Structures are given as C-alpha cells and as structure tokens.
Amino acid sequence: MSRDIDVLVLGGAGVDTIVHVPELPLPYADSYMIRPGIETRAGQTGDFVALGLHSLGLRTHHLDLLGDDPEGELVRALHRDRGIPFTAVPQPAGTKRAVNLVGPDGRRLSLYDDTRARETDRLPEDAVRELAASSRHAHVSITYPCSFALPVLREAGVTISTDLHDWDGENPYHEPFAYTADLVFVSATALTDPERTMRRIVERGRAEVVVATAGAEGAYMLADDEVTHVPVVPPRTPVVDSNGAGDSFAAGFLYGRLTGQPLARCALFGAIAGAYACTVPATRADAVSRAELLDQAAESDAQAAHPALS
C-alpha cells in the first residue's frame, strides 16, 4: 500500500483575530487604544501543526470542515500559498474563528467562537479512510468531529498523535483522544499533578509516549515508565508571542519520530521548534525550517559536549 502522505492532520483549521493589549488580565475600561493594531490571519492549531510539519519537509495533508466565507478563503489561501494539500469539508455554520488577546510579554488569552460548530458535524468516513490509507501517521486535533474519526484511523492502521492542550486531567471530553493516541501532547498549565496525569494516560490508553509542555520550564516526557525533563532551548531572536508554540513543539517532535530519531532527539527538535514559534509575531503564520532546526540541534550538541565554551 502506498504511503505518500507522511502526516495526515485532522481538524483545527480556522482564523484568529489578534488584539495586542497592554496587560493580561486586561482591567475593565470603557476603551483602549491598541498598538500595533488589530489583525486577522488564518491559523489555528491544525493549521500550525500542518505548517510546521510541511516546513520541516514532511509530506502533509490537512482535512477539516470549512465555511464558504471570507475566513474560509483565508485558510484556503494559507495552505495554497504554502503548498500544503488541504481537503475542505463544507461547513454551513462557517469557518471556526477566535480572538487572541496578546500581552506585551507574549502571553495570550484565546476566546473561541462556539457558534461555529454543530452536534451533527462529522468528517466524512470515506475521506478519512482514503487519506489514512495513504498516510504514515495522523495528528488529530481535539475538535468534536475528529472524535468520530478516531476509530476509522485506528482501523486504517496508522499511528496517531494528539494534543490535549490545557486539559485539566478530569474533563471527560478529552479522554477519547487521550486514550486512543499512540503519542500524546498536553500542556501542564491546568494540571495539578502532571506526572500523575501522564501516567494515567499510559495506563488507560495506548500511548507509548506522553509529553507535557511547561512553557519556560521546558517539558516533561514519559516513556518506558520513566519521566525525563526536556530543557528549554533559548531562541536565537527575542520572544514576542507564545501563540502556536505547542503546535510547533508537536511538529518538531513528530519530525524526529517519523525520521527515526531517538526520543531525546525528538524532544530536542520539539523544544527548538517551539522556541522558534515564540519569536514569530501573532499576526504571522510561520515555522522553523528543517535547515534551521538541524543547525540549532547541532549547536545544542556542541554546547552539551563542551559546556565550558558555551
């Protein structure tokens, strides 16, 4: 069977409106004068993962519901301009959209429009099955329609990854994703005991590896019953925004995984890609290139071998 797609990305296509605010949380006021302004651009979690994978040279295909609206055209244009194949399923309710409040330190608060979804939304099984049959791996966003695609992907025999984002470890909505995927990413932000949650994912599901990203503290990886710390890799240019950092970490890690690298190397690639994303303004959609990733990884190796010279 031909596997001409390295990664099939399901879900997570949409548009964000970026609003720079003087601080977070934003104190109540009748009005604020905003600089550098308010901008709308294509790019939500699935878009950023697909972009990150494509920038690293992996053959990527993105599948999601999309509206016949200006926002949907922005998403289509992003994929078209970057050369990322995209299969759009018509969404009468319109393209998913959100507002991101971005503080001076790069932190963000995302407000998602929950009216752009319906309980009957599904990704067509035939399309999922056909694309999965041509794919080595599937990365699944935690949007509602994608939960129904999980059994189809499992039947197709592809390995699966997912990002639970700011799961609290208790919300049952996330469990089908957490317990079906072979590789699970989760933010430690809302976890009172990240290691306990990571181990529960392994015990109750299929995951061989669980990674909990922890911002400036780096990340923690559970594999072979051992938790290891993944240190932060300082970016080469100043941090301006954390938007998309987790998605980029996942893309870097998956690049390592699908090119046969050891887990420690996969984690290093994730850390480099995630740090790079923090240097990209929220108004742009960009990702680290393979050349940049490998160059910075080599630099990190040299520093580890000769710490006195770093």
C-alpha atoms as a PDB file:
ATOM      1  CA  MET A   1       0.000   0.000   0.000  1.00  0.00           C
ATOM      2  CA  SER A   2       1.387   3.405  -0.994  1.00  0.00           C
ATOM      3  CA  ARG A   3       2.019   5.807   1.883  1.00  0.00           C
ATOM      4  CA  ASP A   4       2.585   9.048   0.018  1.00  0.00           C
ATOM      5  CA  ILE A   5       1.485  11.232   2.952  1.00  0.00           C
ATOM      6  CA  ASP A   6       3.765  11.387   5.974  1.00  0.00           C
ATOM      7  CA  VAL A   7       1.245  13.082   8.268  1.00  0.00           C
ATOM      8  CA  LEU A   8      -2.496  13.497   7.901  1.00  0.00           C
ATOM      9  CA  VAL A   9      -3.634  16.408  10.093  1.00  0.00           C
ATOM     10  CA  LEU A  10      -7.290  16.274  11.110  1.00  0.00           C
ATOM     11  CA  GLY A  11      -9.206  19.332  12.342  1.00  0.00           C
ATOM     12  CA  GLY A  12      -8.009  22.591  13.818  1.00  0.00           C
ATOM     13  CA  ALA A  13      -8.435  24.844  10.770  1.00  0.00           C
ATOM     14  CA  GLY A  14      -9.601  28.380  11.449  1.00  0.00           C
ATOM     15  CA  VAL A  15      -8.943  32.079  11.688  1.00  0.00           C
ATOM     16  CA  ASP A  16      -7.687  34.203  14.592  1.00  0.00           C
ATOM     17  CA  THR A  17      -8.139  37.901  15.186  1.00  0.00           C
ATOM     18  CA  ILE A  18      -5.098  39.212  17.057  1.00  0.00           C
ATOM     19  CA  VAL A  19      -5.554  42.040  19.565  1.00  0.00           C
ATOM     20  CA  HIS A  20      -2.477  43.382  21.366  1.00  0.00           C
ATOM     21  CA  VAL A  21      -3.380  44.517  24.876  1.00  0.00           C
ATOM     22  CA  PRO A  22      -1.309  46.477  27.423  1.00  0.00           C
ATOM     23  CA  GLU A  23      -1.520  43.700  30.018  1.00  0.00           C
ATOM     24  CA  LEU A  24      -3.165  40.382  30.892  1.00  0.00           C
ATOM     25  CA  PRO A  25      -5.560  40.062  32.599  1.00  0.00           C
ATOM     26  CA  LEU A  26      -6.993  43.178  30.995  1.00  0.00           C
ATOM     27  CA  PRO A  27      -8.548  45.550  33.554  1.00  0.00           C
ATOM     28  CA  TYR A  28     -12.029  46.779  32.754  1.00  0.00           C
ATOM     29  CA  ALA A  29     -12.159  50.092  30.907  1.00  0.00           C
ATOM     30  CA  ASP A  30     -14.581  51.762  28.532  1.00  0.00           C
ATOM     31  CA  SER A  31     -11.994  51.663  25.742  1.00  0.00           C
ATOM     32  CA  TYR A  32      -8.331  51.068  24.908  1.00  0.00           C
ATOM     33  CA  MET A  33      -6.136  52.451  22.152  1.00  0.00           C
ATOM     34  CA  ILE A  34      -4.398  49.400  20.669  1.00  0.00           C
ATOM     35  CA  ARG A  35      -0.973  49.265  19.052  1.00  0.00           C
ATOM     36  CA  PRO A  36       0.301  47.737  16.803  1.00  0.00           C
ATOM     37  CA  GLY A  37      -3.373  47.238  15.967  1.00  0.00           C
ATOM     38  CA  ILE A  38      -5.921  44.506  15.313  1.00  0.00           C
ATOM     39  CA  GLU A  39      -5.289  41.963  12.552  1.00  0.00           C
ATOM     40  CA  THR A  40      -6.988  38.807  11.325  1.00  0.00           C
ATOM     41  CA  ARG A  41      -4.989  35.914   9.872  1.00  0.00           C
ATOM     42  CA  ALA A  42      -5.512  32.239   9.092  1.00  0.00           C
ATOM     43  CA  GLY A  43      -4.039  29.772  11.534  1.00  0.00           C
ATOM     44  CA  GLN A  44      -5.359  27.685  14.408  1.00  0.00           C
ATOM     45  CA  THR A  45      -3.923  24.538  15.967  1.00  0.00           C
ATOM     46  CA  GLY A  46      -4.287  22.187  12.982  1.00  0.00           C
ATOM     47  CA  ASP A  47      -3.074  24.836  10.568  1.00  0.00           C
ATOM     48  CA  PHE A  48       0.031  25.476  12.669  1.00  0.00           C
ATOM     49  CA  VAL A  49       0.851  21.766  13.027  1.00  0.00           C
ATOM     50  CA  ALA A  50       0.434  21.270   9.268  1.00  0.00           C
ATOM     51  CA  LEU A  51       2.589  24.327   8.545  1.00  0.00           C
ATOM     52  CA  GLY A  52       5.274  23.171  10.975  1.00  0.00           C
ATOM     53  CA  LEU A  53       5.416  19.663   9.510  1.00  0.00           C
ATOM     54  CA  HIS A  54       5.487  20.972   5.945  1.00  0.00           C
ATOM     55  CA  SER A  55       8.294  23.433   6.768  1.00  0.00           C
ATOM     56  CA  LEU A  56      10.333  20.506   8.065  1.00  0.00           C
ATOM     57  CA  GLY A  57       9.946  18.648   4.787  1.00  0.00           C
ATOM     58  CA  LEU A  58       7.271  16.115   5.752  1.00  0.00           C
ATOM     59  CA  ARG A  59       4.557  15.380   3.198  1.00  0.00           C
ATOM     60  CA  THR A  60       1.488  16.758   4.935  1.00  0.00           C
ATOM     61  CA  HIS A  61      -2.228  16.740   4.162  1.00  0.00           C
ATOM     62  CA  HIS A  62      -4.826  18.679   6.177  1.00  0.00           C
ATOM     63  CA  LEU A  63      -8.522  17.716   6.429  1.00  0.00           C
ATOM     64  CA  ASP A  64     -11.220  19.756   8.160  1.00  0.00           C
ATOM     65  CA  LEU A  65     -14.597  21.442   7.891  1.00  0.00           C
ATOM     66  CA  LEU A  66     -14.506  24.919   6.391  1.00  0.00           C
ATOM     67  CA  GLY A  67     -17.116  27.553   5.652  1.00  0.00           C
ATOM     68  CA  ASP A  68     -17.794  29.217   2.327  1.00  0.00           C
ATOM     69  CA  ASP A  69     -16.911  32.609   3.788  1.00  0.00           C
ATOM     70  CA  PRO A  70     -14.026  35.118   3.823  1.00  0.00           C
ATOM     71  CA  GLU A  71     -12.461  33.359   6.796  1.00  0.00           C
ATOM     72  CA  GLY A  72     -12.534  30.059   4.929  1.00  0.00           C
ATOM     73  CA  GLU A  73     -10.805  31.692   1.993  1.00  0.00           C
ATOM     74  CA  LEU A  74      -8.032  32.899   4.303  1.00  0.00           C
ATOM     75  CA  VAL A  75      -7.462  29.301   5.426  1.00  0.00           C
ATOM     76  CA  ARG A  76      -7.522  28.022   1.852  1.00  0.00           C
ATOM     77  CA  ALA A  77      -5.075  30.736   0.803  1.00  0.00           C
ATOM     78  CA  LEU A  78      -2.673  29.872   3.634  1.00  0.00           C
ATOM     79  CA  HIS A  79      -2.490  26.256   2.505  1.00  0.00           C
ATOM     80  CA  ARG A  80      -2.419  27.137  -1.178  1.00  0.00           C
ATOM     81  CA  ASP A  81       0.378  29.676  -0.757  1.00  0.00           C
ATOM     82  CA  ARG A  82       2.497  27.294   1.318  1.00  0.00           C
ATOM     83  CA  GLY A  83       1.847  24.293  -0.915  1.00  0.00           C
ATOM     84  CA  ILE A  84       0.073  22.226   1.761  1.00  0.00           C
ATOM     85  CA  PRO A  85      -2.671  19.969   0.348  1.00  0.00           C
ATOM     86  CA  PHE A  86      -5.996  20.678   2.051  1.00  0.00           C
ATOM     87  CA  THR A  87      -9.315  18.835   1.833  1.00  0.00           C
ATOM     88  CA  ALA A  88     -12.148  21.132   2.902  1.00  0.00           C
ATOM     89  CA  VAL A  89     -15.466  19.637   4.014  1.00  0.00           C
ATOM     90  CA  PRO A  90     -18.325  22.166   3.646  1.00  0.00           C
ATOM     91  CA  GLN A  91     -19.350  23.718   6.971  1.00  0.00           C
ATOM     92  CA  PRO A  92     -22.675  25.634   6.708  1.00  0.00           C
ATOM     93  CA  ALA A  93     -22.138  27.187  10.148  1.00  0.00           C
ATOM     94  CA  GLY A  94     -18.983  28.906   8.903  1.00  0.00           C
ATOM     95  CA  THR A  95     -15.260  28.699   9.488  1.00  0.00           C
ATOM     96  CA  LYS A  96     -14.006  28.452  13.074  1.00  0.00           C
ATOM     97  CA  ARG A  97     -12.715  31.721  14.437  1.00  0.00           C
ATOM     98  CA  ALA A  98     -11.223  33.089  17.624  1.00  0.00           C
ATOM     99  CA  VAL A  99      -9.915  36.295  19.193  1.00  0.00           C
ATOM    100  CA  ASN A 100      -6.450  36.177  20.769  1.00  0.00           C
ATOM    101  CA  LEU A 101      -5.561  38.837  23.328  1.00  0.00           C
ATOM    102  CA  VAL A 102      -1.759  39.091  23.329  1.00  0.00           C
ATOM    103  CA  GLY A 103       0.103  40.783  26.179  1.00  0.00           C
ATOM    104  CA  PRO A 104       3.462  42.617  25.985  1.00  0.00           C
ATOM    105  CA  ASP A 105       5.271  39.531  27.314  1.00  0.00           C
ATOM    106  CA  GLY A 106       3.864  37.316  24.570  1.00  0.00           C
ATOM    107  CA  ARG A 107       1.290  35.533  26.719  1.00  0.00           C
ATOM    108  CA  ARG A 108      -2.145  35.143  25.195  1.00  0.00           C
ATOM    109  CA  LEU A 109      -5.781  34.623  26.096  1.00  0.00           C
ATOM    110  CA  SER A 110      -7.881  32.934  23.406  1.00  0.00           C
ATOM    111  CA  LEU A 111     -11.623  33.462  23.012  1.00  0.00           C
ATOM    112  CA  TYR A 112     -13.236  30.840  20.766  1.00  0.00           C
ATOM    113  CA  ASP A 113     -16.497  31.376  18.910  1.00  0.00           C
ATOM    114  CA  ASP A 114     -18.510  28.330  19.961  1.00  0.00           C
ATOM    115  CA  THR A 115     -21.318  29.018  17.479  1.00  0.00           C
ATOM    116  CA  ARG A 116     -19.272  27.679  14.548  1.00  0.00           C
ATOM    117  CA  ALA A 117     -19.999  24.048  15.336  1.00  0.00           C
ATOM    118  CA  ARG A 118     -22.986  21.710  15.346  1.00  0.00           C
ATOM    119  CA  GLU A 119     -23.581  18.387  17.085  1.00  0.00           C
ATOM    120  CA  THR A 120     -24.087  16.738  13.704  1.00  0.00           C
ATOM    121  CA  ASP A 121     -20.685  17.828  12.350  1.00  0.00           C
ATOM    122  CA  ARG A 122     -18.580  14.937  11.078  1.00  0.00           C
ATOM    123  CA  LEU A 123     -15.558  14.380   8.882  1.00  0.00           C
ATOM    124  CA  PRO A 124     -16.721  12.042   6.102  1.00  0.00           C
ATOM    125  CA  GLU A 125     -15.637   8.491   6.937  1.00  0.00           C
ATOM    126  CA  ASP A 126     -14.803   7.686   3.317  1.00  0.00           C
ATOM    127  CA  ALA A 127     -12.467  10.692   3.061  1.00  0.00           C
ATOM    128  CA  VAL A 128     -10.797   9.883   6.386  1.00  0.00           C
ATOM    129  CA  ARG A 129     -10.374   6.247   5.425  1.00  0.00           C
ATOM    130  CA  GLU A 130      -8.983   7.025   1.980  1.00  0.00           C
ATOM    131  CA  LEU A 131      -6.489   9.598   3.243  1.00  0.00           C
ATOM    132  CA  ALA A 132      -5.471   7.428   6.210  1.00  0.00           C
ATOM    133  CA  ALA A 133      -4.743   4.537   3.830  1.00  0.00           C
ATOM    134  CA  SER A 134      -2.159   6.765   2.145  1.00  0.00           C
ATOM    135  CA  SER A 135      -0.655   8.108   5.390  1.00  0.00           C
ATOM    136  CA  ARG A 136       2.098   7.005   7.733  1.00  0.00           C
ATOM    137  CA  HIS A 137       0.731   8.940  10.689  1.00  0.00           C
ATOM    138  CA  ALA A 138      -2.290  11.025  11.724  1.00  0.00           C
ATOM    139  CA  HIS A 139      -2.270  14.013  14.063  1.00  0.00           C
ATOM    140  CA  VAL A 140      -5.755  14.657  15.450  1.00  0.00           C
ATOM    141  CA  SER A 141      -6.989  17.997  16.800  1.00  0.00           C
ATOM    142  CA  ILE A 142      -9.402  17.769  19.730  1.00  0.00           C
ATOM    143  CA  THR A 143     -12.340  19.258  17.844  1.00  0.00           C
ATOM    144  CA  TYR A 144     -15.669  17.464  18.204  1.00  0.00           C
ATOM    145  CA  PRO A 145     -15.916  15.997  14.662  1.00  0.00           C
ATOM    146  CA  CYS A 146     -12.447  14.478  14.993  1.00  0.00           C
ATOM    147  CA  SER A 147     -13.505  12.258  17.896  1.00  0.00           C
ATOM    148  CA  PHE A 148     -15.657  10.236  15.476  1.00  0.00           C
ATOM    149  CA  ALA A 149     -12.684   9.774  13.148  1.00  0.00           C
ATOM    150  CA  LEU A 150     -10.521   8.081  15.795  1.00  0.00           C
ATOM    151  CA  PRO A 151     -11.904   4.532  15.263  1.00  0.00           C
ATOM    152  CA  VAL A 152     -11.543   4.911  11.484  1.00  0.00           C
ATOM    153  CA  LEU A 153      -7.898   5.915  11.886  1.00  0.00           C
ATOM    154  CA  ARG A 154      -7.265   3.011  14.227  1.00  0.00           C
ATOM    155  CA  GLU A 155      -8.809   0.592  11.730  1.00  0.00           C
ATOM    156  CA  ALA A 156      -6.588   2.040   8.998  1.00  0.00           C
ATOM    157  CA  GLY A 157      -3.500   1.080  10.975  1.00  0.00           C
ATOM    158  CA  VAL A 158      -1.837   4.496  11.139  1.00  0.00           C
ATOM    159  CA  THR A 159      -0.130   5.694  14.281  1.00  0.00           C
ATOM    160  CA  ILE A 160      -1.957   8.581  15.966  1.00  0.00           C
ATOM    161  CA  SER A 161      -0.891  11.650  17.927  1.00  0.00           C
ATOM    162  CA  THR A 162      -2.993  14.333  19.566  1.00  0.00           C
ATOM    163  CA  ASP A 163      -2.579  17.498  21.619  1.00  0.00           C
ATOM    164  CA  LEU A 164      -4.895  17.840  24.631  1.00  0.00           C
ATOM    165  CA  HIS A 165      -3.838  21.477  25.118  1.00  0.00           C
ATOM    166  CA  ASP A 166      -4.862  22.826  28.550  1.00  0.00           C
ATOM    167  CA  TRP A 167      -6.682  19.688  29.736  1.00  0.00           C
ATOM    168  CA  ASP A 168      -7.244  19.595  33.492  1.00  0.00           C
ATOM    169  CA  GLY A 169      -6.865  15.817  33.588  1.00  0.00           C
ATOM    170  CA  GLU A 170     -10.523  15.349  34.519  1.00  0.00           C
ATOM    171  CA  ASN A 171     -12.762  16.651  31.706  1.00  0.00           C
ATOM    172  CA  PRO A 172     -14.181  13.516  30.009  1.00  0.00           C
ATOM    173  CA  TYR A 173     -14.366  15.276  26.629  1.00  0.00           C
ATOM    174  CA  HIS A 174     -10.609  14.797  26.137  1.00  0.00           C
ATOM    175  CA  GLU A 175     -10.499  11.125  27.118  1.00  0.00           C
ATOM    176  CA  PRO A 176     -11.212   9.523  23.696  1.00  0.00           C
ATOM    177  CA  PHE A 177      -8.288  11.478  22.280  1.00  0.00           C
ATOM    178  CA  ALA A 178      -6.011  10.828  25.262  1.00  0.00           C
ATOM    179  CA  TYR A 179      -6.680   7.091  25.362  1.00  0.00           C
ATOM    180  CA  THR A 180      -6.675   6.367  21.606  1.00  0.00           C
ATOM    181  CA  ALA A 181      -3.460   8.128  20.573  1.00  0.00           C
ATOM    182  CA  ASP A 182      -0.030   6.480  20.498  1.00  0.00           C
ATOM    183  CA  LEU A 183       1.661   9.817  21.226  1.00  0.00           C
ATOM    184  CA  VAL A 184       0.002  12.422  23.448  1.00  0.00           C
ATOM    185  CA  PHE A 185       0.956  16.057  23.968  1.00  0.00           C
ATOM    186  CA  VAL A 186      -0.614  18.082  26.774  1.00  0.00           C
ATOM    187  CA  SER A 187       0.068  21.435  28.386  1.00  0.00           C
ATOM    188  CA  ALA A 188       0.910  21.306  32.086  1.00  0.00           C
ATOM    189  CA  THR A 189      -0.866  24.638  32.613  1.00  0.00           C
ATOM    190  CA  ALA A 190      -4.050  23.240  34.175  1.00  0.00           C
ATOM    191  CA  LEU A 191      -2.613  20.037  35.660  1.00  0.00           C
ATOM    192  CA  THR A 192      -2.184  19.917  39.428  1.00  0.00           C
ATOM    193  CA  ASP A 193      -0.001  16.808  39.121  1.00  0.00           C
ATOM    194  CA  PRO A 194       1.348  16.463  35.560  1.00  0.00           C
ATOM    195  CA  GLU A 195       3.163  13.172  36.169  1.00  0.00           C
ATOM    196  CA  ARG A 196       0.058  11.523  37.618  1.00  0.00           C
ATOM    197  CA  THR A 197      -1.981  12.579  34.588  1.00  0.00           C
ATOM    198  CA  MET A 198       0.728  11.418  32.185  1.00  0.00           C
ATOM    199  CA  ARG A 199       0.883   8.008  33.834  1.00  0.00           C
ATOM    200  CA  ARG A 200      -2.906   7.678  33.830  1.00  0.00           C
ATOM    201  CA  ILE A 201      -2.931   8.337  30.070  1.00  0.00           C
ATOM    202  CA  VAL A 202      -0.456   5.481  29.568  1.00  0.00           C
ATOM    203  CA  GLU A 203      -2.272   3.130  31.961  1.00  0.00           C
ATOM    204  CA  ARG A 204      -5.737   3.671  30.482  1.00  0.00           C
ATOM    205  CA  GLY A 205      -4.863   4.150  26.848  1.00  0.00           C
ATOM    206  CA  ARG A 206      -2.481   3.167  24.092  1.00  0.00           C
ATOM    207  CA  ALA A 207       0.136   5.890  24.420  1.00  0.00           C
ATOM    208  CA  GLU A 208       3.777   4.878  24.270  1.00  0.00           C
ATOM    209  CA  VAL A 209       4.948   8.452  24.864  1.00  0.00           C
ATOM    210  CA  VAL A 210       3.310  11.369  26.692  1.00  0.00           C
ATOM    211  CA  VAL A 211       4.810  14.854  26.646  1.00  0.00           C
ATOM    212  CA  ALA A 212       3.676  17.631  28.988  1.00  0.00           C
ATOM    213  CA  THR A 213       4.887  21.043  27.843  1.00  0.00           C
ATOM    214  CA  ALA A 214       5.548  23.541  30.610  1.00  0.00           C
ATOM    215  CA  GLY A 215       6.448  26.838  28.948  1.00  0.00           C
ATOM    216  CA  ALA A 216       9.582  28.429  30.356  1.00  0.00           C
ATOM    217  CA  GLU A 217      10.215  25.290  32.416  1.00  0.00           C
ATOM    218  CA  GLY A 218      10.604  23.196  29.275  1.00  0.00           C
ATOM    219  CA  ALA A 219       8.698  19.928  29.051  1.00  0.00           C
ATOM    220  CA  TYR A 220       8.409  16.511  30.667  1.00  0.00           C
ATOM    221  CA  MET A 221       8.374  13.258  28.720  1.00  0.00           C
ATOM    222  CA  LEU A 222       7.067   9.914  29.931  1.00  0.00           C
ATOM    223  CA  ALA A 223       8.375   6.896  28.013  1.00  0.00           C
ATOM    224  CA  ASP A 224       9.312   3.379  29.113  1.00  0.00           C
ATOM    225  CA  ASP A 225       7.860   4.158  32.561  1.00  0.00           C
ATOM    226  CA  GLU A 226      10.405   6.960  33.117  1.00  0.00           C
ATOM    227  CA  VAL A 227       9.785  10.707  33.243  1.00  0.00           C
ATOM    228  CA  THR A 228      12.592  12.875  31.903  1.00  0.00           C
ATOM    229  CA  HIS A 229      12.901  16.651  31.783  1.00  0.00           C
ATOM    230  CA  VAL A 230      13.225  18.364  28.416  1.00  0.00           C
ATOM    231  CA  PRO A 231      15.066  21.665  28.894  1.00  0.00           C
ATOM    232  CA  VAL A 232      14.179  24.851  27.092  1.00  0.00           C
ATOM    233  CA  VAL A 233      16.308  25.715  24.069  1.00  0.00           C
ATOM    234  CA  PRO A 234      16.761  29.501  24.026  1.00  0.00           C
ATOM    235  CA  PRO A 235      15.590  31.001  20.727  1.00  0.00           C
ATOM    236  CA  ARG A 236      18.035  32.919  18.601  1.00  0.00           C
ATOM    237  CA  THR A 237      15.866  36.046  18.460  1.00  0.00           C
ATOM    238  CA  PRO A 238      13.684  37.726  21.120  1.00  0.00           C
ATOM    239  CA  VAL A 239      10.427  36.157  22.296  1.00  0.00           C
ATOM    240  CA  VAL A 240       7.405  38.139  21.119  1.00  0.00           C
ATOM    241  CA  ASP A 241       4.439  35.755  21.327  1.00  0.00           C
ATOM    242  CA  SER A 242       3.685  32.253  22.602  1.00  0.00           C
ATOM    243  CA  ASN A 243       0.913  31.578  20.090  1.00  0.00           C
ATOM    244  CA  GLY A 244       1.473  28.285  18.276  1.00  0.00           C
ATOM    245  CA  ALA A 245       4.408  27.200  20.443  1.00  0.00           C
ATOM    246  CA  GLY A 246       2.747  23.945  21.498  1.00  0.00           C
ATOM    247  CA  ASP A 247       1.733  23.142  17.924  1.00  0.00           C
ATOM    248  CA  SER A 248       5.285  23.788  16.754  1.00  0.00           C
ATOM    249  CA  PHE A 249       6.689  21.613  19.538  1.00  0.00           C
ATOM    250  CA  ALA A 250       4.433  18.786  18.345  1.00  0.00           C
ATOM    251  CA  ALA A 251       5.550  19.282  14.730  1.00  0.00           C
ATOM    252  CA  GLY A 252       9.237  19.212  15.687  1.00  0.00           C
ATOM    253  CA  PHE A 253       8.768  16.124  17.843  1.00  0.00           C
ATOM    254  CA  LEU A 254       6.842  14.337  15.080  1.00  0.00           C
ATOM    255  CA  TYR A 255       9.566  15.193  12.568  1.00  0.00           C
ATOM    256  CA  GLY A 256      12.068  13.418  14.798  1.00  0.00           C
ATOM    257  CA  ARG A 257       9.745  10.484  15.384  1.00  0.00           C
ATOM    258  CA  LEU A 258       8.981   9.951  11.698  1.00  0.00           C
ATOM    259  CA  THR A 259      12.634  10.201  10.685  1.00  0.00           C
ATOM    260  CA  GLY A 260      13.612   7.501  13.169  1.00  0.00           C
ATOM    261  CA  GLN A 261      15.343   9.640  15.792  1.00  0.00           C
ATOM    262  CA  PRO A 262      15.738   8.610  19.456  1.00  0.00           C
ATOM    263  CA  LEU A 263      13.142  10.090  21.799  1.00  0.00           C
ATOM    264  CA  ALA A 264      15.628  12.501  23.358  1.00  0.00           C
ATOM    265  CA  ARG A 265      16.359  13.859  19.891  1.00  0.00           C
ATOM    266  CA  CYS A 266      12.639  14.137  19.104  1.00  0.00           C
ATOM    267  CA  ALA A 267      12.202  16.170  22.291  1.00  0.00           C
ATOM    268  CA  LEU A 268      15.129  18.437  21.376  1.00  0.00           C
ATOM    269  CA  PHE A 269      13.595  19.054  17.945  1.00  0.00           C
ATOM    270  CA  GLY A 270      10.289  19.873  19.649  1.00  0.00           C
ATOM    271  CA  ALA A 271      11.954  22.314  22.027  1.00  0.00           C
ATOM    272  CA  ILE A 272      13.753  24.095  19.179  1.00  0.00           C
ATOM    273  CA  ALA A 273      10.612  24.348  17.041  1.00  0.00           C
ATOM    274  CA  GLY A 274       8.522  25.554  19.987  1.00  0.00           C
ATOM    275  CA  ALA A 275      11.083  28.204  20.904  1.00  0.00           C
ATOM    276  CA  TYR A 276      11.221  29.420  17.313  1.00  0.00           C
ATOM    277  CA  ALA A 277       7.428  29.855  17.294  1.00  0.00           C
ATOM    278  CA  CYS A 278       7.744  32.225  20.248  1.00  0.00           C
ATOM    279  CA  THR A 279       9.808  34.581  18.073  1.00  0.00           C
ATOM    280  CA  VAL A 280       7.076  34.880  15.438  1.00  0.00           C
ATOM    281  CA  PRO A 281       4.563  37.730  15.886  1.00  0.00           C
ATOM    282  CA  ALA A 282       0.985  36.584  16.414  1.00  0.00           C
ATOM    283  CA  THR A 283      -0.057  38.309  13.200  1.00  0.00           C
ATOM    284  CA  ARG A 284       2.090  35.923  11.110  1.00  0.00           C
ATOM    285  CA  ALA A 285       1.959  32.205  10.408  1.00  0.00           C
ATOM    286  CA  ASP A 286       5.493  30.838  10.207  1.00  0.00           C
ATOM    287  CA  ALA A 287       7.517  27.816  11.323  1.00  0.00           C
ATOM    288  CA  VAL A 288      11.127  26.772  11.666  1.00  0.00           C
ATOM    289  CA  SER A 289      12.739  25.288   8.558  1.00  0.00           C
ATOM    290  CA  ARG A 290      14.472  21.909   8.533  1.00  0.00           C
ATOM    291  CA  ALA A 291      17.841  23.581   7.901  1.00  0.00           C
ATOM    292  CA  GLU A 292      17.377  25.924  10.870  1.00  0.00           C
ATOM    293  CA  LEU A 293      16.178  23.065  13.103  1.00  0.00           C
ATOM    294  CA  LEU A 294      19.128  20.830  12.307  1.00  0.00           C
ATOM    295  CA  ASP A 295      21.621  23.684  12.596  1.00  0.00           C
ATOM    296  CA  GLN A 296      20.362  24.642  16.040  1.00  0.00           C
ATOM    297  CA  ALA A 297      20.298  20.982  17.107  1.00  0.00           C
ATOM    298  CA  ALA A 298      23.950  20.657  16.083  1.00  0.00           C
ATOM    299  CA  GLU A 299      24.738  23.803  18.037  1.00  0.00           C
ATOM    300  CA  SER A 300      22.984  22.345  21.080  1.00  0.00           C
ATOM    301  CA  ASP A 301      25.010  19.130  20.712  1.00  0.00           C
ATOM    302  CA  ALA A 302      28.249  21.118  20.593  1.00  0.00           C
ATOM    303  CA  GLN A 303      27.327  23.059  23.707  1.00  0.00           C
ATOM    304  CA  ALA A 304      26.459  19.834  25.545  1.00  0.00           C
ATOM    305  CA  ALA A 305      29.788  18.298  24.540  1.00  0.00           C
ATOM    306  CA  HIS A 306      31.798  21.390  25.505  1.00  0.00           C
ATOM    307  CA  PRO A 307      29.782  23.275  28.175  1.00  0.00           C
ATOM    308  CA  ALA A 308      32.725  25.473  29.117  1.00  0.00           C
ATOM    309  CA  LEU A 309      32.699  27.001  25.618  1.00  0.00           C
ATOM    310  CA  SER A 310      29.001  27.874  25.602  1.00  0.00           C
END
